[in-house]
Amino acid sequence: MPFINHIVFSVASSQLWFAEVLRDAFAAQLSGIFVPFKEIAGYHLAKLSRKAGKSDVNEQEAAAALANAWREAQPYPDAGPGLARLNKAGIKVAALTNGSIEIAGAVLQRAGLASDDLTLFDITQPRAWKPSQDSYTFALSRMNLQPHEVMMVAAHPWDCSAALRLGMKAAYIQRDEEATFPSFLNQPQLVVRSFEELASALLQK
């Protein structure tokens, strides 16, 4: 499915695509319907591709191409060292993704984290998109932990806010200096710019 390599999407188009994926995913969740990420993402990527002049792209091709591209995604350079510091200090690291365990595992392994260094969950297991509390309680139960024993670390404010409402702690990774944490949401205990900064704050080093 090489089409994704021959269409250059603008940043604005990519942001619109992601916003539309989240909108439809959250709307489906609120209406009581669970739809996996690849189905919603494939639908909207195929639509975006058709607007860019690639009229023969179908949703299955779009979803497959997107999955292949994400398997090769490069993590932020601070992710591996920061998470490794936390792991070495005895802090258990787990990932809960709205995507898939397979892709998340590939990206995290590229960051230098071996599969036995972390636990992976995805939303197909509880059949609930984040920020539904069902997704968080599923991960907590699998880890045999109480909410107050866990900190949600995320670059999306709604991830942090939902975790806080459940009784978890939260740290917001502010990748964009303009993307300050919304004042109308529950406020996280930490706001940092990288995973290395997060590790320093938690380990007080």
N, C-alpha and C. Protein backbone atom coordinates (compact mmCIF):
# COMPACT_ATOMS: atom_id res chain seq x y z
N MET A 1 0.84 -1.19 0.00
CA MET A 1 0.00 0.00 0.00
C MET A 1 0.88 1.25 0.00
N PRO A 2 1.50 1.56 -1.14
CA PRO A 2 2.49 2.62 -1.16
C PRO A 2 1.90 4.02 -1.23
N PHE A 3 0.58 4.15 -1.36
CA PHE A 3 0.02 5.48 -1.60
C PHE A 3 0.42 6.48 -0.54
N ILE A 4 0.59 6.02 0.71
CA ILE A 4 0.88 6.94 1.80
C ILE A 4 2.25 7.59 1.60
N ASN A 5 3.12 6.96 0.81
CA ASN A 5 4.44 7.51 0.55
C ASN A 5 4.42 8.54 -0.58
N HIS A 6 3.33 8.63 -1.30
CA HIS A 6 3.27 9.50 -2.45
C HIS A 6 2.33 10.68 -2.25
N ILE A 7 1.73 10.80 -1.09
CA ILE A 7 0.86 11.93 -0.79
C ILE A 7 1.45 12.66 0.41
N VAL A 8 1.70 13.94 0.24
CA VAL A 8 2.24 14.74 1.33
C VAL A 8 1.09 15.49 1.98
N PHE A 9 0.77 15.10 3.20
CA PHE A 9 -0.30 15.77 3.92
C PHE A 9 0.28 16.93 4.71
N SER A 10 -0.41 18.05 4.69
CA SER A 10 0.04 19.20 5.47
C SER A 10 -0.15 18.93 6.95
N VAL A 11 0.52 19.71 7.77
CA VAL A 11 0.34 19.59 9.22
C VAL A 11 -1.12 19.83 9.58
N ALA A 12 -1.73 20.81 8.95
CA ALA A 12 -3.13 21.12 9.23
C ALA A 12 -4.03 19.94 8.88
N SER A 13 -3.75 19.28 7.74
CA SER A 13 -4.56 18.13 7.34
C SER A 13 -4.38 16.98 8.32
N SER A 14 -3.16 16.76 8.76
CA SER A 14 -2.89 15.69 9.72
C SER A 14 -3.60 15.95 11.04
N GLN A 15 -3.56 17.21 11.47
CA GLN A 15 -4.24 17.56 12.72
C GLN A 15 -5.74 17.40 12.59
N LEU A 16 -6.28 17.78 11.43
CA LEU A 16 -7.71 17.61 11.19
C LEU A 16 -8.07 16.14 11.18
N TRP A 17 -7.23 15.32 10.53
CA TRP A 17 -7.48 13.87 10.50
C TRP A 17 -7.54 13.32 11.91
N PHE A 18 -6.57 13.67 12.75
CA PHE A 18 -6.53 13.15 14.12
C PHE A 18 -7.74 13.62 14.91
N ALA A 19 -8.11 14.88 14.75
CA ALA A 19 -9.28 15.42 15.47
C ALA A 19 -10.55 14.69 15.05
N GLU A 20 -10.69 14.39 13.76
CA GLU A 20 -11.87 13.68 13.29
C GLU A 20 -11.91 12.24 13.80
N VAL A 21 -10.75 11.61 13.87
CA VAL A 21 -10.68 10.24 14.41
C VAL A 21 -11.15 10.24 15.87
N LEU A 22 -10.61 11.16 16.67
CA LEU A 22 -11.00 11.23 18.08
C LEU A 22 -12.47 11.58 18.23
N ARG A 23 -12.94 12.52 17.43
CA ARG A 23 -14.35 12.92 17.52
C ARG A 23 -15.27 11.73 17.31
N ASP A 24 -15.03 10.97 16.23
CA ASP A 24 -15.92 9.84 15.94
C ASP A 24 -15.74 8.70 16.93
N ALA A 25 -14.51 8.51 17.41
CA ALA A 25 -14.27 7.46 18.39
C ALA A 25 -14.98 7.77 19.70
N PHE A 26 -14.85 9.02 20.16
CA PHE A 26 -15.49 9.41 21.41
C PHE A 26 -17.00 9.41 21.27
N ALA A 27 -17.50 9.85 20.11
CA ALA A 27 -18.95 9.85 19.89
C ALA A 27 -19.51 8.44 19.91
N ALA A 28 -18.79 7.52 19.26
CA ALA A 28 -19.23 6.13 19.25
C ALA A 28 -19.22 5.56 20.66
N GLN A 29 -18.16 5.87 21.41
CA GLN A 29 -18.05 5.37 22.78
C GLN A 29 -19.19 5.88 23.64
N LEU A 30 -19.50 7.17 23.52
CA LEU A 30 -20.58 7.75 24.32
C LEU A 30 -21.94 7.18 23.96
N SER A 31 -22.09 6.74 22.71
CA SER A 31 -23.37 6.17 22.28
C SER A 31 -23.47 4.68 22.56
N GLY A 32 -22.40 4.10 23.15
CA GLY A 32 -22.42 2.70 23.52
C GLY A 32 -21.89 1.76 22.47
N ILE A 33 -21.16 2.30 21.47
CA ILE A 33 -20.60 1.46 20.41
C ILE A 33 -19.08 1.54 20.48
N PHE A 34 -18.42 0.39 20.48
CA PHE A 34 -16.96 0.38 20.43
C PHE A 34 -16.50 0.10 19.01
N VAL A 35 -15.67 1.00 18.48
CA VAL A 35 -15.08 0.83 17.15
C VAL A 35 -13.57 0.92 17.30
N PRO A 36 -12.81 -0.10 16.86
CA PRO A 36 -11.35 -0.06 17.00
C PRO A 36 -10.73 1.10 16.24
N PHE A 37 -9.56 1.48 16.70
CA PHE A 37 -8.86 2.61 16.11
C PHE A 37 -8.66 2.44 14.61
N LYS A 38 -8.22 1.25 14.17
CA LYS A 38 -7.86 1.08 12.76
C LYS A 38 -9.05 1.32 11.83
N GLU A 39 -10.26 1.03 12.29
CA GLU A 39 -11.42 1.23 11.43
C GLU A 39 -11.73 2.71 11.26
N ILE A 40 -11.71 3.44 12.36
CA ILE A 40 -12.01 4.87 12.28
C ILE A 40 -10.88 5.61 11.58
N ALA A 41 -9.63 5.25 11.92
CA ALA A 41 -8.48 5.91 11.31
C ALA A 41 -8.41 5.63 9.82
N GLY A 42 -8.69 4.39 9.42
CA GLY A 42 -8.68 4.05 8.00
C GLY A 42 -9.73 4.79 7.22
N TYR A 43 -10.91 4.92 7.79
CA TYR A 43 -11.99 5.65 7.13
C TYR A 43 -11.59 7.09 6.85
N HIS A 44 -11.06 7.77 7.88
CA HIS A 44 -10.73 9.18 7.72
C HIS A 44 -9.48 9.40 6.87
N LEU A 45 -8.52 8.45 6.91
CA LEU A 45 -7.35 8.59 6.07
C LEU A 45 -7.71 8.38 4.60
N ALA A 46 -8.59 7.43 4.33
CA ALA A 46 -9.05 7.22 2.95
C ALA A 46 -9.77 8.46 2.44
N LYS A 47 -10.58 9.06 3.30
CA LYS A 47 -11.29 10.29 2.91
C LYS A 47 -10.31 11.41 2.60
N LEU A 48 -9.30 11.56 3.45
CA LEU A 48 -8.29 12.59 3.25
C LEU A 48 -7.49 12.33 1.96
N SER A 49 -7.21 11.05 1.70
CA SER A 49 -6.47 10.69 0.49
C SER A 49 -7.28 11.01 -0.76
N ARG A 50 -8.58 10.74 -0.72
CA ARG A 50 -9.41 11.07 -1.87
C ARG A 50 -9.44 12.57 -2.12
N LYS A 51 -9.45 13.35 -1.06
CA LYS A 51 -9.43 14.81 -1.21
C LYS A 51 -8.11 15.27 -1.82
N ALA A 52 -7.05 14.48 -1.58
CA ALA A 52 -5.73 14.81 -2.13
C ALA A 52 -5.55 14.27 -3.55
N GLY A 53 -6.61 13.66 -4.11
CA GLY A 53 -6.57 13.22 -5.49
C GLY A 53 -6.33 11.75 -5.71
N LYS A 54 -6.25 10.98 -4.62
CA LYS A 54 -6.04 9.53 -4.75
C LYS A 54 -7.39 8.84 -4.57
N SER A 55 -8.17 8.77 -5.62
CA SER A 55 -9.56 8.34 -5.52
C SER A 55 -9.74 6.84 -5.35
N ASP A 56 -8.67 6.05 -5.63
CA ASP A 56 -8.83 4.58 -5.61
C ASP A 56 -8.44 3.95 -4.28
N VAL A 57 -8.20 4.77 -3.26
CA VAL A 57 -7.81 4.24 -1.96
C VAL A 57 -9.05 3.82 -1.16
N ASN A 58 -9.04 2.60 -0.64
CA ASN A 58 -10.16 2.19 0.21
C ASN A 58 -9.74 2.20 1.67
N GLU A 59 -10.70 2.00 2.54
CA GLU A 59 -10.44 2.12 3.98
C GLU A 59 -9.46 1.06 4.49
N GLN A 60 -9.55 -0.16 3.96
CA GLN A 60 -8.67 -1.23 4.41
C GLN A 60 -7.22 -0.93 4.02
N GLU A 61 -7.02 -0.44 2.79
CA GLU A 61 -5.67 -0.06 2.36
C GLU A 61 -5.12 1.08 3.20
N ALA A 62 -5.97 2.04 3.48
CA ALA A 62 -5.54 3.18 4.28
C ALA A 62 -5.13 2.74 5.68
N ALA A 63 -5.93 1.88 6.28
CA ALA A 63 -5.62 1.40 7.64
C ALA A 63 -4.33 0.61 7.66
N ALA A 64 -4.11 -0.24 6.65
CA ALA A 64 -2.89 -1.04 6.58
C ALA A 64 -1.67 -0.16 6.38
N ALA A 65 -1.79 0.84 5.51
CA ALA A 65 -0.67 1.74 5.26
C ALA A 65 -0.34 2.55 6.50
N LEU A 66 -1.37 2.97 7.21
CA LEU A 66 -1.16 3.74 8.43
C LEU A 66 -0.45 2.88 9.48
N ALA A 67 -0.87 1.64 9.63
CA ALA A 67 -0.24 0.73 10.60
C ALA A 67 1.23 0.52 10.25
N ASN A 68 1.53 0.33 8.96
CA ASN A 68 2.92 0.13 8.54
C ASN A 68 3.76 1.36 8.83
N ALA A 69 3.19 2.54 8.58
CA ALA A 69 3.92 3.79 8.83
C ALA A 69 4.20 3.95 10.31
N TRP A 70 3.22 3.64 11.15
CA TRP A 70 3.38 3.83 12.59
C TRP A 70 4.36 2.82 13.19
N ARG A 71 4.46 1.64 12.59
CA ARG A 71 5.45 0.67 13.08
C ARG A 71 6.87 1.22 12.95
N GLU A 72 7.05 2.13 11.99
CA GLU A 72 8.36 2.72 11.76
C GLU A 72 8.51 4.08 12.43
N ALA A 73 7.51 4.49 13.19
CA ALA A 73 7.56 5.82 13.83
C ALA A 73 8.73 5.91 14.80
N GLN A 74 9.36 7.06 14.82
CA GLN A 74 10.48 7.29 15.74
C GLN A 74 9.96 7.95 17.01
N PRO A 75 10.23 7.36 18.17
CA PRO A 75 9.79 7.97 19.43
C PRO A 75 10.60 9.24 19.71
N TYR A 76 10.07 10.10 20.56
CA TYR A 76 10.84 11.25 21.00
C TYR A 76 12.14 10.76 21.62
N PRO A 77 13.26 11.44 21.35
CA PRO A 77 14.55 10.93 21.84
C PRO A 77 14.66 10.85 23.36
N ASP A 78 13.83 11.60 24.07
CA ASP A 78 13.89 11.57 25.54
C ASP A 78 13.09 10.41 26.14
N ALA A 79 12.25 9.76 25.30
CA ALA A 79 11.35 8.73 25.84
C ALA A 79 12.13 7.54 26.39
N GLY A 80 13.04 6.99 25.60
CA GLY A 80 13.79 5.83 26.03
C GLY A 80 14.60 6.07 27.30
N PRO A 81 15.47 7.09 27.30
CA PRO A 81 16.27 7.35 28.50
C PRO A 81 15.43 7.66 29.74
N GLY A 82 14.36 8.43 29.56
CA GLY A 82 13.51 8.79 30.71
C GLY A 82 12.81 7.59 31.30
N LEU A 83 12.20 6.77 30.44
CA LEU A 83 11.49 5.59 30.92
C LEU A 83 12.46 4.56 31.48
N ALA A 84 13.64 4.47 30.89
CA ALA A 84 14.64 3.53 31.41
C ALA A 84 15.09 3.92 32.82
N ARG A 85 15.23 5.22 33.07
CA ARG A 85 15.59 5.68 34.41
C ARG A 85 14.52 5.29 35.42
N LEU A 86 13.26 5.47 35.04
CA LEU A 86 12.16 5.12 35.94
C LEU A 86 12.15 3.62 36.20
N ASN A 87 12.35 2.85 35.15
CA ASN A 87 12.34 1.40 35.29
C ASN A 87 13.49 0.93 36.17
N LYS A 88 14.66 1.51 35.98
CA LYS A 88 15.82 1.14 36.77
C LYS A 88 15.64 1.47 38.24
N ALA A 89 14.85 2.54 38.51
CA ALA A 89 14.60 2.95 39.89
C ALA A 89 13.52 2.10 40.55
N GLY A 90 12.96 1.15 39.81
CA GLY A 90 11.96 0.26 40.37
C GLY A 90 10.53 0.71 40.16
N ILE A 91 10.35 1.76 39.36
CA ILE A 91 8.99 2.23 39.06
C ILE A 91 8.46 1.43 37.88
N LYS A 92 7.37 0.74 38.09
CA LYS A 92 6.80 -0.11 37.04
C LYS A 92 6.20 0.77 35.94
N VAL A 93 6.56 0.47 34.71
CA VAL A 93 6.09 1.25 33.57
C VAL A 93 5.13 0.41 32.74
N ALA A 94 3.98 0.99 32.42
CA ALA A 94 2.98 0.33 31.58
C ALA A 94 2.47 1.33 30.55
N ALA A 95 2.01 0.84 29.43
CA ALA A 95 1.45 1.70 28.39
C ALA A 95 0.03 1.24 28.07
N LEU A 96 -0.87 2.21 28.00
CA LEU A 96 -2.26 1.96 27.59
C LEU A 96 -2.52 2.81 26.36
N THR A 97 -2.74 2.17 25.22
CA THR A 97 -2.85 2.89 23.97
C THR A 97 -4.24 2.76 23.35
N ASN A 98 -4.65 3.82 22.66
CA ASN A 98 -5.87 3.76 21.87
C ASN A 98 -5.63 3.07 20.53
N GLY A 99 -4.35 2.75 20.26
CA GLY A 99 -4.00 2.04 19.04
C GLY A 99 -3.94 0.55 19.28
N SER A 100 -2.76 -0.05 19.04
CA SER A 100 -2.62 -1.50 19.22
C SER A 100 -1.36 -1.81 20.00
N ILE A 101 -1.39 -2.94 20.71
CA ILE A 101 -0.22 -3.40 21.46
C ILE A 101 0.95 -3.64 20.52
N GLU A 102 0.68 -4.21 19.37
CA GLU A 102 1.74 -4.54 18.41
C GLU A 102 2.52 -3.28 18.01
N ILE A 103 1.80 -2.23 17.62
CA ILE A 103 2.47 -1.02 17.16
C ILE A 103 3.14 -0.29 18.31
N ALA A 104 2.46 -0.20 19.44
CA ALA A 104 3.06 0.47 20.60
C ALA A 104 4.33 -0.26 21.03
N GLY A 105 4.29 -1.58 20.99
CA GLY A 105 5.46 -2.37 21.37
C GLY A 105 6.63 -2.13 20.44
N ALA A 106 6.35 -2.01 19.13
CA ALA A 106 7.42 -1.77 18.17
C ALA A 106 8.07 -0.41 18.39
N VAL A 107 7.26 0.60 18.65
CA VAL A 107 7.79 1.95 18.87
C VAL A 107 8.60 2.01 20.16
N LEU A 108 8.07 1.41 21.22
CA LEU A 108 8.79 1.43 22.49
C LEU A 108 10.08 0.62 22.43
N GLN A 109 10.06 -0.46 21.68
CA GLN A 109 11.29 -1.24 21.52
C GLN A 109 12.33 -0.42 20.77
N ARG A 110 11.87 0.39 19.81
CA ARG A 110 12.78 1.27 19.08
C ARG A 110 13.37 2.32 20.00
N ALA A 111 12.66 2.64 21.07
CA ALA A 111 13.17 3.59 22.06
C ALA A 111 14.19 2.95 22.99
N GLY A 112 14.40 1.65 22.82
CA GLY A 112 15.40 0.96 23.63
C GLY A 112 14.84 0.23 24.82
N LEU A 113 13.52 0.08 24.88
CA LEU A 113 12.90 -0.62 26.00
C LEU A 113 12.56 -2.05 25.59
N ALA A 114 13.15 -2.99 26.26
CA ALA A 114 12.85 -4.40 25.98
C ALA A 114 11.43 -4.72 26.41
N SER A 115 10.84 -5.74 25.81
CA SER A 115 9.44 -6.07 26.08
C SER A 115 9.18 -6.43 27.53
N ASP A 116 10.22 -6.93 28.23
CA ASP A 116 10.00 -7.31 29.62
C ASP A 116 10.18 -6.14 30.58
N ASP A 117 10.47 -4.95 30.03
CA ASP A 117 10.63 -3.76 30.87
C ASP A 117 9.31 -3.03 31.10
N LEU A 118 8.28 -3.40 30.37
CA LEU A 118 7.02 -2.68 30.50
C LEU A 118 5.85 -3.59 30.16
N THR A 119 4.67 -3.16 30.59
CA THR A 119 3.43 -3.88 30.34
C THR A 119 2.61 -3.07 29.34
N LEU A 120 2.03 -3.75 28.36
CA LEU A 120 1.27 -3.06 27.32
C LEU A 120 -0.20 -3.47 27.35
N PHE A 121 -1.07 -2.47 27.23
CA PHE A 121 -2.51 -2.69 27.10
C PHE A 121 -3.02 -1.85 25.94
N ASP A 122 -4.09 -2.34 25.29
CA ASP A 122 -4.76 -1.48 24.32
C ASP A 122 -6.27 -1.55 24.55
N ILE A 123 -6.98 -0.65 23.89
CA ILE A 123 -8.41 -0.47 24.18
C ILE A 123 -9.28 -1.58 23.63
N THR A 124 -8.72 -2.47 22.80
CA THR A 124 -9.54 -3.58 22.32
C THR A 124 -9.82 -4.58 23.43
N GLN A 125 -9.01 -4.55 24.48
CA GLN A 125 -9.21 -5.49 25.59
C GLN A 125 -10.43 -5.10 26.44
N PRO A 126 -10.51 -3.87 26.94
CA PRO A 126 -11.73 -3.47 27.67
C PRO A 126 -12.84 -2.99 26.75
N ARG A 127 -12.52 -2.85 25.42
CA ARG A 127 -13.46 -2.31 24.44
C ARG A 127 -13.97 -0.93 24.89
N ALA A 128 -13.02 -0.10 25.23
CA ALA A 128 -13.35 1.25 25.72
C ALA A 128 -12.20 2.19 25.40
N TRP A 129 -12.50 3.24 24.65
CA TRP A 129 -11.49 4.24 24.32
C TRP A 129 -11.15 5.06 25.56
N LYS A 130 -9.87 5.39 25.69
CA LYS A 130 -9.54 6.46 26.63
C LYS A 130 -10.18 7.74 26.09
N PRO A 131 -10.76 8.57 26.91
CA PRO A 131 -10.66 8.62 28.37
C PRO A 131 -11.81 7.95 29.14
N SER A 132 -12.48 6.95 28.55
CA SER A 132 -13.48 6.22 29.31
C SER A 132 -12.83 5.58 30.53
N GLN A 133 -13.47 5.70 31.66
CA GLN A 133 -12.88 5.14 32.88
C GLN A 133 -12.77 3.62 32.81
N ASP A 134 -13.57 2.99 31.96
CA ASP A 134 -13.47 1.53 31.81
C ASP A 134 -12.09 1.13 31.30
N SER A 135 -11.48 1.96 30.46
CA SER A 135 -10.15 1.61 29.95
C SER A 135 -9.11 1.68 31.06
N TYR A 136 -9.22 2.69 31.92
CA TYR A 136 -8.25 2.83 33.01
C TYR A 136 -8.45 1.74 34.07
N THR A 137 -9.70 1.48 34.43
CA THR A 137 -9.94 0.47 35.46
C THR A 137 -9.52 -0.91 34.98
N PHE A 138 -9.62 -1.17 33.67
CA PHE A 138 -9.14 -2.43 33.12
C PHE A 138 -7.63 -2.58 33.36
N ALA A 139 -6.87 -1.54 33.01
CA ALA A 139 -5.42 -1.59 33.20
C ALA A 139 -5.05 -1.73 34.67
N LEU A 140 -5.75 -0.99 35.53
CA LEU A 140 -5.48 -1.07 36.97
C LEU A 140 -5.71 -2.48 37.50
N SER A 141 -6.81 -3.09 37.05
CA SER A 141 -7.12 -4.44 37.54
C SER A 141 -6.10 -5.46 37.07
N ARG A 142 -5.63 -5.30 35.83
CA ARG A 142 -4.62 -6.22 35.29
C ARG A 142 -3.29 -6.07 36.02
N MET A 143 -2.99 -4.86 36.48
CA MET A 143 -1.74 -4.62 37.21
C MET A 143 -1.91 -4.87 38.71
N ASN A 144 -3.17 -5.12 39.13
CA ASN A 144 -3.47 -5.35 40.54
C ASN A 144 -3.04 -4.16 41.40
N LEU A 145 -3.39 -2.97 40.92
CA LEU A 145 -3.05 -1.73 41.61
C LEU A 145 -4.28 -0.89 41.84
N GLN A 146 -4.24 -0.06 42.87
CA GLN A 146 -5.30 0.89 43.16
C GLN A 146 -5.01 2.21 42.44
N PRO A 147 -6.04 3.00 42.14
CA PRO A 147 -5.81 4.25 41.41
C PRO A 147 -4.74 5.15 42.02
N HIS A 148 -4.73 5.29 43.35
CA HIS A 148 -3.78 6.21 43.98
C HIS A 148 -2.34 5.74 43.86
N GLU A 149 -2.14 4.48 43.42
CA GLU A 149 -0.79 3.94 43.28
C GLU A 149 -0.21 4.17 41.88
N VAL A 150 -0.99 4.80 41.01
CA VAL A 150 -0.61 4.91 39.60
C VAL A 150 -0.62 6.36 39.16
N MET A 151 0.34 6.73 38.33
CA MET A 151 0.37 8.05 37.70
C MET A 151 0.20 7.88 36.19
N MET A 152 -0.80 8.57 35.66
CA MET A 152 -0.97 8.62 34.21
C MET A 152 -0.05 9.69 33.65
N VAL A 153 0.75 9.33 32.66
CA VAL A 153 1.63 10.27 31.98
C VAL A 153 1.16 10.37 30.54
N ALA A 154 0.82 11.57 30.10
CA ALA A 154 0.24 11.71 28.77
C ALA A 154 0.51 13.09 28.19
N ALA A 155 0.47 13.17 26.86
CA ALA A 155 0.61 14.45 26.17
C ALA A 155 -0.75 15.03 25.80
N HIS A 156 -1.82 14.34 26.19
CA HIS A 156 -3.18 14.83 25.94
C HIS A 156 -3.84 15.17 27.27
N PRO A 157 -4.30 16.40 27.43
CA PRO A 157 -4.92 16.80 28.70
C PRO A 157 -6.09 15.92 29.11
N TRP A 158 -6.90 15.48 28.13
CA TRP A 158 -8.08 14.68 28.50
C TRP A 158 -7.68 13.34 29.10
N ASP A 159 -6.53 12.79 28.70
CA ASP A 159 -6.02 11.57 29.33
C ASP A 159 -5.74 11.81 30.81
N CYS A 160 -5.06 12.91 31.08
CA CYS A 160 -4.69 13.23 32.46
C CYS A 160 -5.92 13.52 33.31
N SER A 161 -6.83 14.32 32.77
CA SER A 161 -8.00 14.74 33.53
C SER A 161 -8.88 13.55 33.90
N ALA A 162 -9.07 12.63 32.96
CA ALA A 162 -9.90 11.45 33.24
C ALA A 162 -9.25 10.57 34.30
N ALA A 163 -7.94 10.43 34.24
CA ALA A 163 -7.24 9.64 35.24
C ALA A 163 -7.37 10.27 36.63
N LEU A 164 -7.25 11.58 36.68
CA LEU A 164 -7.38 12.29 37.95
C LEU A 164 -8.76 12.09 38.56
N ARG A 165 -9.78 12.10 37.72
CA ARG A 165 -11.15 11.91 38.22
C ARG A 165 -11.35 10.52 38.80
N LEU A 166 -10.53 9.58 38.36
CA LEU A 166 -10.62 8.22 38.87
C LEU A 166 -9.82 8.04 40.16
N GLY A 167 -9.03 9.05 40.50
CA GLY A 167 -8.23 8.96 41.72
C GLY A 167 -6.76 8.68 41.47
N MET A 168 -6.37 8.65 40.19
CA MET A 168 -4.97 8.47 39.85
C MET A 168 -4.25 9.81 39.92
N LYS A 169 -2.93 9.76 39.94
CA LYS A 169 -2.12 10.96 39.78
C LYS A 169 -1.88 11.15 38.29
N ALA A 170 -1.38 12.34 37.90
CA ALA A 170 -1.16 12.59 36.48
C ALA A 170 0.01 13.53 36.25
N ALA A 171 0.72 13.27 35.16
CA ALA A 171 1.79 14.15 34.69
C ALA A 171 1.52 14.47 33.22
N TYR A 172 1.56 15.74 32.89
CA TYR A 172 1.30 16.19 31.53
C TYR A 172 2.63 16.47 30.84
N ILE A 173 2.88 15.79 29.71
CA ILE A 173 4.06 16.05 28.90
C ILE A 173 3.70 17.15 27.90
N GLN A 174 4.17 18.35 28.13
CA GLN A 174 3.82 19.50 27.28
C GLN A 174 4.85 19.62 26.16
N ARG A 175 4.56 18.99 25.04
CA ARG A 175 5.48 18.99 23.91
C ARG A 175 5.49 20.35 23.19
N ASP A 176 4.37 21.00 23.17
CA ASP A 176 4.22 22.30 22.49
C ASP A 176 4.10 23.38 23.56
N GLU A 177 4.98 24.37 23.52
CA GLU A 177 4.96 25.40 24.57
C GLU A 177 3.67 26.21 24.56
N GLU A 178 2.94 26.18 23.44
CA GLU A 178 1.66 26.88 23.38
C GLU A 178 0.52 26.04 23.96
N ALA A 179 0.75 24.74 24.09
CA ALA A 179 -0.32 23.83 24.53
C ALA A 179 -0.35 23.72 26.05
N THR A 180 -0.66 24.82 26.71
CA THR A 180 -0.75 24.80 28.16
C THR A 180 -1.95 23.95 28.59
N PHE A 181 -1.89 23.45 29.80
CA PHE A 181 -2.95 22.57 30.27
C PHE A 181 -4.22 23.40 30.50
N PRO A 182 -5.37 22.97 29.95
CA PRO A 182 -6.61 23.75 30.07
C PRO A 182 -7.02 23.96 31.53
N SER A 183 -7.40 25.17 31.85
CA SER A 183 -7.76 25.51 33.23
C SER A 183 -9.08 24.87 33.65
N PHE A 184 -9.92 24.46 32.67
CA PHE A 184 -11.23 23.91 33.00
C PHE A 184 -11.21 22.41 33.28
N LEU A 185 -10.02 21.80 33.19
CA LEU A 185 -9.88 20.37 33.49
C LEU A 185 -9.19 20.20 34.84
N ASN A 186 -9.34 19.01 35.42
CA ASN A 186 -8.61 18.69 36.64
C ASN A 186 -7.12 18.82 36.37
N GLN A 187 -6.41 19.47 37.28
CA GLN A 187 -5.00 19.79 37.04
C GLN A 187 -4.06 18.68 37.48
N PRO A 188 -3.06 18.35 36.65
CA PRO A 188 -2.11 17.30 36.99
C PRO A 188 -1.14 17.74 38.08
N GLN A 189 -0.55 16.76 38.74
CA GLN A 189 0.45 17.07 39.77
C GLN A 189 1.74 17.59 39.16
N LEU A 190 2.04 17.16 37.93
CA LEU A 190 3.28 17.57 37.27
C LEU A 190 3.01 18.02 35.84
N VAL A 191 3.71 19.05 35.41
CA VAL A 191 3.75 19.46 34.01
C VAL A 191 5.22 19.52 33.63
N VAL A 192 5.63 18.70 32.67
CA VAL A 192 7.04 18.62 32.28
C VAL A 192 7.13 18.67 30.76
N ARG A 193 8.36 18.85 30.24
CA ARG A 193 8.55 18.97 28.80
C ARG A 193 9.09 17.69 28.17
N SER A 194 9.49 16.72 28.99
CA SER A 194 10.08 15.50 28.44
C SER A 194 10.00 14.38 29.48
N PHE A 195 10.25 13.16 29.02
CA PHE A 195 10.29 12.02 29.95
C PHE A 195 11.52 12.08 30.84
N GLU A 196 12.60 12.66 30.34
CA GLU A 196 13.77 12.81 31.20
C GLU A 196 13.49 13.79 32.33
N GLU A 197 12.77 14.87 32.01
CA GLU A 197 12.38 15.82 33.05
C GLU A 197 11.42 15.16 34.03
N LEU A 198 10.54 14.31 33.52
CA LEU A 198 9.62 13.57 34.39
C LEU A 198 10.39 12.69 35.35
N ALA A 199 11.37 11.94 34.83
CA ALA A 199 12.16 11.06 35.69
C ALA A 199 12.89 11.86 36.76
N SER A 200 13.45 13.00 36.40
CA SER A 200 14.15 13.83 37.37
C SER A 200 13.21 14.33 38.46
N ALA A 201 12.00 14.71 38.05
CA ALA A 201 11.03 15.21 39.04
C ALA A 201 10.57 14.10 39.99
N LEU A 202 10.32 12.92 39.45
CA LEU A 202 9.84 11.83 40.29
C LEU A 202 10.94 11.26 41.17
N LEU A 203 12.14 11.24 40.65
CA LEU A 203 13.26 10.68 41.41
C LEU A 203 13.99 11.75 42.20
N GLN A 204 13.58 13.01 41.99
CA GLN A 204 14.17 14.17 42.68
C GLN A 204 15.68 14.21 42.50
N LYS A 205 16.09 14.06 41.22
CA LYS A 205 17.51 14.12 40.88
C LYS A 205 17.69 15.06 39.71
